[in-house]
């Protein structure tokens, strides 16, 4: 979830897990500087993961895996990951063609 809800927070407490879900301001009650900083820290981690899934969903045929059997599904997902990594390497090389 992008933002906290009582239901989700309760589930996390029941499983004895620490919440790493963004806090959201309410009308008339803005977020504190500490909460803003906490959201910013979470966003730096989250963006790295979500860009990968977003690229695979939007550019590489979606999230539905149409195969029969777990082995074929794993192979298809693995190939999609390899294709993403190769595409990302090309992007990074265009940005910095002569790495030190």
PDB file of N, CA and C in Angstrom:
ATOM      1  N   UNK A   1       0.843  -1.189   0.000  1.00  0.00           N
ATOM      2  CA  UNK A   1       0.000   0.000   0.000  1.00  0.00           C
ATOM      3  C   UNK A   1       0.881   1.241   0.000  1.00  0.00           C
ATOM      4  N   UNK A   2       0.397   2.284  -0.654  1.00  0.00           N
ATOM      5  CA  UNK A   2       1.169   3.518  -0.712  1.00  0.00           C
ATOM      6  C   UNK A   2       1.100   4.274   0.609  1.00  0.00           C
ATOM      7  N   UNK A   3      -0.055   4.241   1.254  1.00  0.00           N
ATOM      8  CA  UNK A   3      -0.227   4.972   2.504  1.00  0.00           C
ATOM      9  C   UNK A   3      -0.820   4.056   3.567  1.00  0.00           C
ATOM     10  N   UNK A   4      -0.686   4.467   4.812  1.00  0.00           N
ATOM     11  CA  UNK A   4      -1.133   3.677   5.954  1.00  0.00           C
ATOM     12  C   UNK A   4      -2.656   3.626   6.046  1.00  0.00           C
ATOM     13  N   UNK A   5      -3.147   2.507   6.579  1.00  0.00           N
ATOM     14  CA  UNK A   5      -4.550   2.389   6.949  1.00  0.00           C
ATOM     15  C   UNK A   5      -4.585   1.620   8.263  1.00  0.00           C
ATOM     16  N   UNK A   6      -5.639   1.791   9.022  1.00  0.00           N
ATOM     17  CA  UNK A   6      -5.747   1.086  10.307  1.00  0.00           C
ATOM     18  C   UNK A   6      -5.737  -0.420  10.096  1.00  0.00           C
ATOM     19  N   UNK A   7      -6.405  -0.860   9.033  1.00  0.00           N
ATOM     20  CA  UNK A   7      -6.459  -2.300   8.748  1.00  0.00           C
ATOM     21  C   UNK A   7      -5.056  -2.868   8.502  1.00  0.00           C
ATOM     22  N   UNK A   8      -4.292  -2.192   7.651  1.00  0.00           N
ATOM     23  CA  UNK A   8      -2.947  -2.671   7.319  1.00  0.00           C
ATOM     24  C   UNK A   8      -2.022  -2.593   8.530  1.00  0.00           C
ATOM     25  N   UNK A   9      -2.116  -1.507   9.285  1.00  0.00           N
ATOM     26  CA  UNK A   9      -1.276  -1.364  10.483  1.00  0.00           C
ATOM     27  C   UNK A   9      -1.594  -2.467  11.490  1.00  0.00           C
ATOM     28  N   UNK A  10      -2.876  -2.800  11.628  1.00  0.00           N
ATOM     29  CA  UNK A  10      -3.273  -3.883  12.537  1.00  0.00           C
ATOM     30  C   UNK A  10      -2.704  -5.224  12.110  1.00  0.00           C
ATOM     31  N   UNK A  11      -2.737  -5.501  10.808  1.00  0.00           N
ATOM     32  CA  UNK A  11      -2.181  -6.756  10.290  1.00  0.00           C
ATOM     33  C   UNK A  11      -0.679  -6.837  10.565  1.00  0.00           C
ATOM     34  N   UNK A  12       0.011  -5.726  10.368  1.00  0.00           N
ATOM     35  CA  UNK A  12       1.454  -5.714  10.621  1.00  0.00           C
ATOM     36  C   UNK A  12       1.756  -5.926  12.100  1.00  0.00           C
ATOM     37  N   UNK A  13       0.965  -5.278  12.977  1.00  0.00           N
ATOM     38  CA  UNK A  13       1.157  -5.465  14.425  1.00  0.00           C
ATOM     39  C   UNK A  13       0.915  -6.917  14.824  1.00  0.00           C
ATOM     40  N   UNK A  14      -0.132  -7.523  14.258  1.00  0.00           N
ATOM     41  CA  UNK A  14      -0.444  -8.928  14.578  1.00  0.00           C
ATOM     42  C   UNK A  14       0.704  -9.854  14.199  1.00  0.00           C
ATOM     43  N   UNK A  15       1.385  -9.528  13.107  1.00  0.00           N
ATOM     44  CA  UNK A  15       2.517 -10.349  12.653  1.00  0.00           C
ATOM     45  C   UNK A  15       3.829  -9.901  13.281  1.00  0.00           C
ATOM     46  N   UNK A  16       3.764  -8.935  14.206  1.00  0.00           N
ATOM     47  CA  UNK A  16       4.947  -8.396  14.891  1.00  0.00           C
ATOM     48  C   UNK A  16       5.971  -7.825  13.900  1.00  0.00           C
ATOM     49  N   UNK A  17       5.452  -7.067  12.906  1.00  0.00           N
ATOM     50  CA  UNK A  17       6.305  -6.439  11.903  1.00  0.00           C
ATOM     51  C   UNK A  17       6.273  -4.928  12.075  1.00  0.00           C
ATOM     52  N   UNK A  18       7.362  -4.281  11.709  1.00  0.00           N
ATOM     53  CA  UNK A  18       7.452  -2.830  11.770  1.00  0.00           C
ATOM     54  C   UNK A  18       6.931  -2.252  10.457  1.00  0.00           C
ATOM     55  N   UNK A  19       6.107  -1.233  10.551  1.00  0.00           N
ATOM     56  CA  UNK A  19       5.519  -0.621   9.365  1.00  0.00           C
ATOM     57  C   UNK A  19       6.536   0.267   8.655  1.00  0.00           C
ATOM     58  N   UNK A  20       6.644   0.083   7.348  1.00  0.00           N
ATOM     59  CA  UNK A  20       7.483   0.946   6.515  1.00  0.00           C
ATOM     60  C   UNK A  20       6.620   1.590   5.433  1.00  0.00           C
ATOM     61  N   UNK A  21       5.363   1.877   5.784  1.00  0.00           N
ATOM     62  CA  UNK A  21       4.418   2.469   4.848  1.00  0.00           C
ATOM     63  C   UNK A  21       4.395   3.974   5.073  1.00  0.00           C
ATOM     64  N   UNK A  22       4.276   4.736   3.980  1.00  0.00           N
ATOM     65  CA  UNK A  22       4.257   6.198   4.059  1.00  0.00           C
ATOM     66  C   UNK A  22       3.141   6.710   4.962  1.00  0.00           C
ATOM     67  N   UNK A  23       3.421   7.821   5.614  1.00  0.00           N
ATOM     68  CA  UNK A  23       2.400   8.544   6.368  1.00  0.00           C
ATOM     69  C   UNK A  23       1.776   9.576   5.440  1.00  0.00           C
ATOM     70  N   UNK A  24       0.509   9.881   5.679  1.00  0.00           N
ATOM     71  CA  UNK A  24      -0.205  10.829   4.842  1.00  0.00           C
ATOM     72  C   UNK A  24      -0.796  11.921   5.721  1.00  0.00           C
ATOM     73  N   UNK A  25      -0.691  13.165   5.273  1.00  0.00           N
ATOM     74  CA  UNK A  25      -1.271  14.269   6.013  1.00  0.00           C
ATOM     75  C   UNK A  25      -2.787  14.269   5.896  1.00  0.00           C
ATOM     76  N   UNK A  26      -3.429  14.899   6.849  1.00  0.00           N
ATOM     77  CA  UNK A  26      -4.885  15.018   6.830  1.00  0.00           C
ATOM     78  C   UNK A  26      -5.252  16.488   6.647  1.00  0.00           C
ATOM     79  N   UNK A  27      -6.485  16.730   6.268  1.00  0.00           N
ATOM     80  CA  UNK A  27      -6.941  18.097   6.061  1.00  0.00           C
ATOM     81  C   UNK A  27      -6.793  18.892   7.359  1.00  0.00           C
ATOM     82  N   UNK A  28      -6.109  20.008   7.296  1.00  0.00           N
ATOM     83  CA  UNK A  28      -5.922  20.844   8.465  1.00  0.00           C
ATOM     84  C   UNK A  28      -4.802  20.394   9.391  1.00  0.00           C
ATOM     85  N   UNK A  29      -4.201  19.241   9.095  1.00  0.00           N
ATOM     86  CA  UNK A  29      -3.107  18.744   9.941  1.00  0.00           C
ATOM     87  C   UNK A  29      -1.998  18.218   9.027  1.00  0.00           C
ATOM     88  N   UNK A  30      -1.031  19.080   8.765  1.00  0.00           N
ATOM     89  CA  UNK A  30       0.051  18.715   7.870  1.00  0.00           C
ATOM     90  C   UNK A  30       1.009  17.740   8.541  1.00  0.00           C
ATOM     91  N   UNK A  31       1.814  17.082   7.727  1.00  0.00           N
ATOM     92  CA  UNK A  31       2.819  16.168   8.265  1.00  0.00           C
ATOM     93  C   UNK A  31       3.908  16.950   8.992  1.00  0.00           C
ATOM     94  N   UNK A  32       4.454  16.351  10.021  1.00  0.00           N
ATOM     95  CA  UNK A  32       5.583  16.963  10.724  1.00  0.00           C
ATOM     96  C   UNK A  32       6.834  16.817   9.864  1.00  0.00           C
ATOM     97  N   UNK A  33       7.852  17.576  10.184  1.00  0.00           N
ATOM     98  CA  UNK A  33       9.122  17.467   9.450  1.00  0.00           C
ATOM     99  C   UNK A  33       9.706  16.067   9.594  1.00  0.00           C
ATOM    100  N   UNK A  34       9.538  15.464  10.762  1.00  0.00           N
ATOM    101  CA  UNK A  34      10.044  14.102  10.980  1.00  0.00           C
ATOM    102  C   UNK A  34       9.329  13.114  10.067  1.00  0.00           C
ATOM    103  N   UNK A  35       8.000  13.250   9.946  1.00  0.00           N
ATOM    104  CA  UNK A  35       7.235  12.353   9.078  1.00  0.00           C
ATOM    105  C   UNK A  35       7.608  12.562   7.617  1.00  0.00           C
ATOM    106  N   UNK A  36       7.817  13.823   7.219  1.00  0.00           N
ATOM    107  CA  UNK A  36       8.248  14.099   5.841  1.00  0.00           C
ATOM    108  C   UNK A  36       9.598  13.464   5.555  1.00  0.00           C
ATOM    109  N   UNK A  37      10.519  13.586   6.500  1.00  0.00           N
ATOM    110  CA  UNK A  37      11.837  12.974   6.332  1.00  0.00           C
ATOM    111  C   UNK A  37      11.753  11.462   6.262  1.00  0.00           C
ATOM    112  N   UNK A  38      10.887  10.887   7.088  1.00  0.00           N
ATOM    113  CA  UNK A  38      10.697   9.437   7.076  1.00  0.00           C
ATOM    114  C   UNK A  38      10.145   8.982   5.729  1.00  0.00           C
ATOM    115  N   UNK A  39       9.158   9.703   5.204  1.00  0.00           N
ATOM    116  CA  UNK A  39       8.604   9.369   3.884  1.00  0.00           C
ATOM    117  C   UNK A  39       9.665   9.493   2.801  1.00  0.00           C
ATOM    118  N   UNK A  40      10.508  10.519   2.892  1.00  0.00           N
ATOM    119  CA  UNK A  40      11.562  10.725   1.898  1.00  0.00           C
ATOM    120  C   UNK A  40      12.544   9.558   1.909  1.00  0.00           C
ATOM    121  N   UNK A  41      12.921   9.096   3.118  1.00  0.00           N
ATOM    122  CA  UNK A  41      13.836   7.966   3.236  1.00  0.00           C
ATOM    123  C   UNK A  41      13.220   6.706   2.622  1.00  0.00           C
ATOM    124  N   UNK A  42      11.948   6.473   2.915  1.00  0.00           N
ATOM    125  CA  UNK A  42      11.265   5.296   2.356  1.00  0.00           C
ATOM    126  C   UNK A  42      11.175   5.388   0.841  1.00  0.00           C
ATOM    127  N   UNK A  43      10.978   6.596   0.333  1.00  0.00           N
ATOM    128  CA  UNK A  43      10.825   6.778  -1.109  1.00  0.00           C
ATOM    129  C   UNK A  43      12.100   6.454  -1.870  1.00  0.00           C
ATOM    130  N   UNK A  44      13.260   6.729  -1.282  1.00  0.00           N
ATOM    131  CA  UNK A  44      14.512   6.459  -1.995  1.00  0.00           C
ATOM    132  C   UNK A  44      14.698   4.966  -2.224  1.00  0.00           C
ATOM    133  N   UNK A  45      14.247   4.148  -1.297  1.00  0.00           N
ATOM    134  CA  UNK A  45      14.334   2.696  -1.468  1.00  0.00           C
ATOM    135  C   UNK A  45      13.241   2.237  -2.414  1.00  0.00           C
ATOM    136  N   UNK A  46      12.054   2.740  -2.200  1.00  0.00           N
ATOM    137  CA  UNK A  46      10.882   2.298  -2.937  1.00  0.00           C
ATOM    138  C   UNK A  46      10.989   2.585  -4.432  1.00  0.00           C
ATOM    139  N   UNK A  47      11.531   3.733  -4.793  1.00  0.00           N
ATOM    140  CA  UNK A  47      11.595   4.122  -6.197  1.00  0.00           C
ATOM    141  C   UNK A  47      12.470   3.161  -6.996  1.00  0.00           C
ATOM    142  N   UNK A  48      13.537   2.666  -6.396  1.00  0.00           N
ATOM    143  CA  UNK A  48      14.421   1.740  -7.112  1.00  0.00           C
ATOM    144  C   UNK A  48      13.706   0.446  -7.462  1.00  0.00           C
ATOM    145  N   UNK A  49      12.828  -0.003  -6.594  1.00  0.00           N
ATOM    146  CA  UNK A  49      12.086  -1.242  -6.845  1.00  0.00           C
ATOM    147  C   UNK A  49      10.924  -0.989  -7.798  1.00  0.00           C
ATOM    148  N   UNK A  50      10.187   0.077  -7.563  1.00  0.00           N
ATOM    149  CA  UNK A  50       8.985   0.318  -8.361  1.00  0.00           C
ATOM    150  C   UNK A  50       9.294   0.641  -9.813  1.00  0.00           C
ATOM    151  N   UNK A  51      10.441   1.268 -10.092  1.00  0.00           N
ATOM    152  CA  UNK A  51      10.800   1.534 -11.484  1.00  0.00           C
ATOM    153  C   UNK A  51      11.019   0.242 -12.258  1.00  0.00           C
ATOM    154  N   UNK A  52      11.605  -0.752 -11.618  1.00  0.00           N
ATOM    155  CA  UNK A  52      11.830  -2.038 -12.272  1.00  0.00           C
ATOM    156  C   UNK A  52      10.494  -2.689 -12.606  1.00  0.00           C
ATOM    157  N   UNK A  53       9.596  -2.773 -11.622  1.00  0.00           N
ATOM    158  CA  UNK A  53       8.298  -3.395 -11.862  1.00  0.00           C
ATOM    159  C   UNK A  53       7.475  -2.591 -12.857  1.00  0.00           C
ATOM    160  N   UNK A  54       7.560  -1.272 -12.787  1.00  0.00           N
ATOM    161  CA  UNK A  54       6.826  -0.436 -13.727  1.00  0.00           C
ATOM    162  C   UNK A  54       7.300  -0.650 -15.154  1.00  0.00           C
ATOM    163  N   UNK A  55       8.603  -0.723 -15.354  1.00  0.00           N
ATOM    164  CA  UNK A  55       9.148  -0.942 -16.695  1.00  0.00           C
ATOM    165  C   UNK A  55       8.735  -2.307 -17.228  1.00  0.00           C
ATOM    166  N   UNK A  56       8.785  -3.321 -16.380  1.00  0.00           N
ATOM    167  CA  UNK A  56       8.399  -4.651 -16.830  1.00  0.00           C
ATOM    168  C   UNK A  56       6.905  -4.733 -17.112  1.00  0.00           C
ATOM    169  N   UNK A  57       6.101  -4.024 -16.337  1.00  0.00           N
ATOM    170  CA  UNK A  57       4.654  -4.044 -16.546  1.00  0.00           C
ATOM    171  C   UNK A  57       4.276  -3.270 -17.802  1.00  0.00           C
ATOM    172  N   UNK A  58       4.819  -2.068 -17.967  1.00  0.00           N
ATOM    173  CA  UNK A  58       4.408  -1.197 -19.064  1.00  0.00           C
ATOM    174  C   UNK A  58       5.119  -1.496 -20.379  1.00  0.00           C
ATOM    175  N   UNK A  59       6.378  -1.888 -20.330  1.00  0.00           N
ATOM    176  CA  UNK A  59       7.174  -1.999 -21.554  1.00  0.00           C
ATOM    177  C   UNK A  59       7.429  -3.433 -22.006  1.00  0.00           C
ATOM    178  N   UNK A  60       7.210  -4.390 -21.121  1.00  0.00           N
ATOM    179  CA  UNK A  60       7.655  -5.749 -21.440  1.00  0.00           C
ATOM    180  C   UNK A  60       6.529  -6.776 -21.338  1.00  0.00           C
ATOM    181  N   UNK A  61       5.333  -6.395 -21.693  1.00  0.00           N
ATOM    182  CA  UNK A  61       4.267  -7.382 -21.787  1.00  0.00           C
ATOM    183  C   UNK A  61       3.438  -7.596 -20.540  1.00  0.00           C
ATOM    184  N   UNK A  62       3.514  -6.738 -19.573  1.00  0.00           N
ATOM    185  CA  UNK A  62       2.642  -6.854 -18.406  1.00  0.00           C
ATOM    186  C   UNK A  62       3.126  -7.837 -17.362  1.00  0.00           C
ATOM    187  N   UNK A  63       2.240  -8.107 -16.408  1.00  0.00           N
ATOM    188  CA  UNK A  63       2.604  -8.953 -15.273  1.00  0.00           C
ATOM    189  C   UNK A  63       2.045 -10.359 -15.376  1.00  0.00           C
ATOM    190  N   UNK A  64       1.166 -10.596 -16.333  1.00  0.00           N
ATOM    191  CA  UNK A  64       0.557 -11.909 -16.470  1.00  0.00           C
ATOM    192  C   UNK A  64       1.534 -12.864 -17.146  1.00  0.00           C
ATOM    193  N   UNK A  65       1.757 -14.013 -16.539  1.00  0.00           N
ATOM    194  CA  UNK A  65       2.663 -15.017 -17.102  1.00  0.00           C
ATOM    195  C   UNK A  65       1.805 -16.152 -17.644  1.00  0.00           C
ATOM    196  N   UNK A  66       1.785 -16.306 -18.953  1.00  0.00           N
ATOM    197  CA  UNK A  66       0.957 -17.329 -19.592  1.00  0.00           C
ATOM    198  C   UNK A  66       1.811 -18.536 -19.968  1.00  0.00           C
ATOM    199  N   UNK A  67       2.130 -19.320 -18.978  1.00  0.00           N
ATOM    200  CA  UNK A  67       2.873 -20.555 -19.215  1.00  0.00           C
ATOM    201  C   UNK A  67       2.214 -21.676 -18.433  1.00  0.00           C
ATOM    202  N   UNK A  68       2.532 -22.887 -18.795  1.00  0.00           N
ATOM    203  CA  UNK A  68       2.060 -24.048 -18.049  1.00  0.00           C
ATOM    204  C   UNK A  68       3.252 -24.586 -17.279  1.00  0.00           C
ATOM    205  N   UNK A  69       3.135 -24.606 -15.972  1.00  0.00           N
ATOM    206  CA  UNK A  69       4.195 -25.137 -15.129  1.00  0.00           C
ATOM    207  C   UNK A  69       5.052 -24.067 -14.504  1.00  0.00           C
ATOM    208  N   UNK A  70       5.499 -24.367 -13.304  1.00  0.00           N
ATOM    209  CA  UNK A  70       6.305 -23.424 -12.543  1.00  0.00           C
ATOM    210  C   UNK A  70       7.678 -23.212 -13.176  1.00  0.00           C
ATOM    211  N   UNK A  71       8.267 -24.261 -13.710  1.00  0.00           N
ATOM    212  CA  UNK A  71       9.606 -24.140 -14.313  1.00  0.00           C
ATOM    213  C   UNK A  71       9.586 -23.171 -15.493  1.00  0.00           C
ATOM    214  N   UNK A  72       8.562 -23.275 -16.340  1.00  0.00           N
ATOM    215  CA  UNK A  72       8.475 -22.362 -17.484  1.00  0.00           C
ATOM    216  C   UNK A  72       8.187 -20.937 -17.040  1.00  0.00           C
ATOM    217  N   UNK A  73       7.361 -20.784 -16.019  1.00  0.00           N
ATOM    218  CA  UNK A  73       7.063 -19.445 -15.502  1.00  0.00           C
ATOM    219  C   UNK A  73       8.333 -18.804 -14.950  1.00  0.00           C
ATOM    220  N   UNK A  74       9.120 -19.576 -14.185  1.00  0.00           N
ATOM    221  CA  UNK A  74      10.372 -19.050 -13.647  1.00  0.00           C
ATOM    222  C   UNK A  74      11.325 -18.667 -14.769  1.00  0.00           C
ATOM    223  N   UNK A  75      11.384 -19.479 -15.812  1.00  0.00           N
ATOM    224  CA  UNK A  75      12.262 -19.184 -16.946  1.00  0.00           C
ATOM    225  C   UNK A  75      11.827 -17.901 -17.648  1.00  0.00           C
ATOM    226  N   UNK A  76      10.522 -17.737 -17.837  1.00  0.00           N
ATOM    227  CA  UNK A  76      10.016 -16.542 -18.517  1.00  0.00           C
ATOM    228  C   UNK A  76      10.298 -15.286 -17.695  1.00  0.00           C
ATOM    229  N   UNK A  77      10.070 -15.363 -16.404  1.00  0.00           N
ATOM    230  CA  UNK A  77      10.345 -14.212 -15.531  1.00  0.00           C
ATOM    231  C   UNK A  77      11.844 -13.918 -15.512  1.00  0.00           C
ATOM    232  N   UNK A  78      12.658 -14.960 -15.474  1.00  0.00           N
ATOM    233  CA  UNK A  78      14.111 -14.780 -15.503  1.00  0.00           C
ATOM    234  C   UNK A  78      14.572 -14.099 -16.786  1.00  0.00           C
ATOM    235  N   UNK A  79      13.992 -14.496 -17.911  1.00  0.00           N
ATOM    236  CA  UNK A  79      14.356 -13.867 -19.188  1.00  0.00           C
ATOM    237  C   UNK A  79      13.923 -12.405 -19.215  1.00  0.00           C
ATOM    238  N   UNK A  80      12.768 -12.123 -18.626  1.00  0.00           N
ATOM    239  CA  UNK A  80      12.300 -10.740 -18.566  1.00  0.00           C
ATOM    240  C   UNK A  80      13.251  -9.905 -17.710  1.00  0.00           C
ATOM    241  N   UNK A  81      13.742 -10.482 -16.616  1.00  0.00           N
ATOM    242  CA  UNK A  81      14.703  -9.782 -15.756  1.00  0.00           C
ATOM    243  C   UNK A  81      16.016  -9.536 -16.487  1.00  0.00           C
ATOM    244  N   UNK A  82      16.483 -10.528 -17.231  1.00  0.00           N
ATOM    245  CA  UNK A  82      17.721 -10.362 -18.003  1.00  0.00           C
ATOM    246  C   UNK A  82      17.552  -9.270 -19.049  1.00  0.00           C
ATOM    247  N   UNK A  83      16.417  -9.272 -19.748  1.00  0.00           N
ATOM    248  CA  UNK A  83      16.161  -8.249 -20.766  1.00  0.00           C
ATOM    249  C   UNK A  83      16.122  -6.860 -20.138  1.00  0.00           C
ATOM    250  N   UNK A  84      15.486  -6.735 -18.967  1.00  0.00           N
ATOM    251  CA  UNK A  84      15.448  -5.442 -18.280  1.00  0.00           C
ATOM    252  C   UNK A  84      16.862  -4.996 -17.920  1.00  0.00           C
ATOM    253  N   UNK A  85      17.656  -5.904 -17.360  1.00  0.00           N
ATOM    254  CA  UNK A  85      19.024  -5.550 -16.952  1.00  0.00           C
ATOM    255  C   UNK A  85      19.882  -5.143 -18.143  1.00  0.00           C
ATOM    256  N   UNK A  86      19.718  -5.811 -19.276  1.00  0.00           N
ATOM    257  CA  UNK A  86      20.484  -5.443 -20.471  1.00  0.00           C
ATOM    258  C   UNK A  86      20.061  -4.066 -20.976  1.00  0.00           C
ATOM    259  N   UNK A  87      18.754  -3.804 -20.963  1.00  0.00           N
ATOM    260  CA  UNK A  87      18.265  -2.500 -21.389  1.00  0.00           C
ATOM    261  C   UNK A  87      18.769  -1.399 -20.459  1.00  0.00           C
ATOM    262  N   UNK A  88      18.771  -1.677 -19.165  1.00  0.00           N
ATOM    263  CA  UNK A  88      19.238  -0.700 -18.176  1.00  0.00           C
ATOM    264  C   UNK A  88      20.739  -0.437 -18.349  1.00  0.00           C
ATOM    265  N   UNK A  89      21.508  -1.491 -18.640  1.00  0.00           N
ATOM    266  CA  UNK A  89      22.940  -1.319 -18.883  1.00  0.00           C
ATOM    267  C   UNK A  89      23.180  -0.397 -20.073  1.00  0.00           C
ATOM    268  N   UNK A  90      22.407  -0.560 -21.143  1.00  0.00           N
ATOM    269  CA  UNK A  90      22.543   0.328 -22.305  1.00  0.00           C
ATOM    270  C   UNK A  90      22.234   1.772 -21.930  1.00  0.00           C
ATOM    271  N   UNK A  91      21.194   1.969 -21.105  1.00  0.00           N
ATOM    272  CA  UNK A  91      20.853   3.322 -20.659  1.00  0.00           C
ATOM    273  C   UNK A  91      21.993   3.928 -19.844  1.00  0.00           C
ATOM    274  N   UNK A  92      22.548   3.148 -18.938  1.00  0.00           N
ATOM    275  CA  UNK A  92      23.625   3.651 -18.083  1.00  0.00           C
ATOM    276  C   UNK A  92      24.880   3.944 -18.887  1.00  0.00           C
ATOM    277  N   UNK A  93      25.142   3.126 -19.910  1.00  0.00           N
ATOM    278  CA  UNK A  93      26.322   3.369 -20.752  1.00  0.00           C
ATOM    279  C   UNK A  93      26.158   4.628 -21.595  1.00  0.00           C
ATOM    280  N   UNK A  94      24.924   4.940 -21.995  1.00  0.00           N
ATOM    281  CA  UNK A  94      24.696   6.191 -22.731  1.00  0.00           C
ATOM    282  C   UNK A  94      24.949   7.396 -21.831  1.00  0.00           C
ATOM    283  N   UNK A  95      24.569   7.269 -20.546  1.00  0.00           N
ATOM    284  CA  UNK A  95      24.764   8.367 -19.603  1.00  0.00           C
ATOM    285  C   UNK A  95      26.241   8.560 -19.309  1.00  0.00           C
ATOM    286  N   UNK A  96      26.965   7.457 -19.098  1.00  0.00           N
ATOM    287  CA  UNK A  96      28.385   7.521 -18.727  1.00  0.00           C
ATOM    288  C   UNK A  96      29.159   6.534 -19.614  1.00  0.00           C
ATOM    289  N   UNK A  97      29.542   6.960 -20.835  1.00  0.00           N
ATOM    290  CA  UNK A  97      30.170   6.027 -21.768  1.00  0.00           C
ATOM    291  C   UNK A  97      31.570   5.564 -21.363  1.00  0.00           C
ATOM    292  N   UNK A  98      32.275   6.346 -20.566  1.00  0.00           N
ATOM    293  CA  UNK A  98      33.640   5.993 -20.184  1.00  0.00           C
ATOM    294  C   UNK A  98      33.763   5.881 -18.677  1.00  0.00           C
ATOM    295  N   UNK A  99      33.290   4.764 -18.081  1.00  0.00           N
ATOM    296  CA  UNK A  99      33.407   4.641 -16.613  1.00  0.00           C
ATOM    297  C   UNK A  99      34.854   4.560 -16.190  1.00  0.00           C
ATOM    298  N   UNK A 100      35.141   5.076 -15.017  1.00  0.00           N
ATOM    299  CA  UNK A 100      36.520   5.112 -14.524  1.00  0.00           C
ATOM    300  C   UNK A 100      37.027   3.763 -14.115  1.00  0.00           C
TER     301      UNK A 100
END
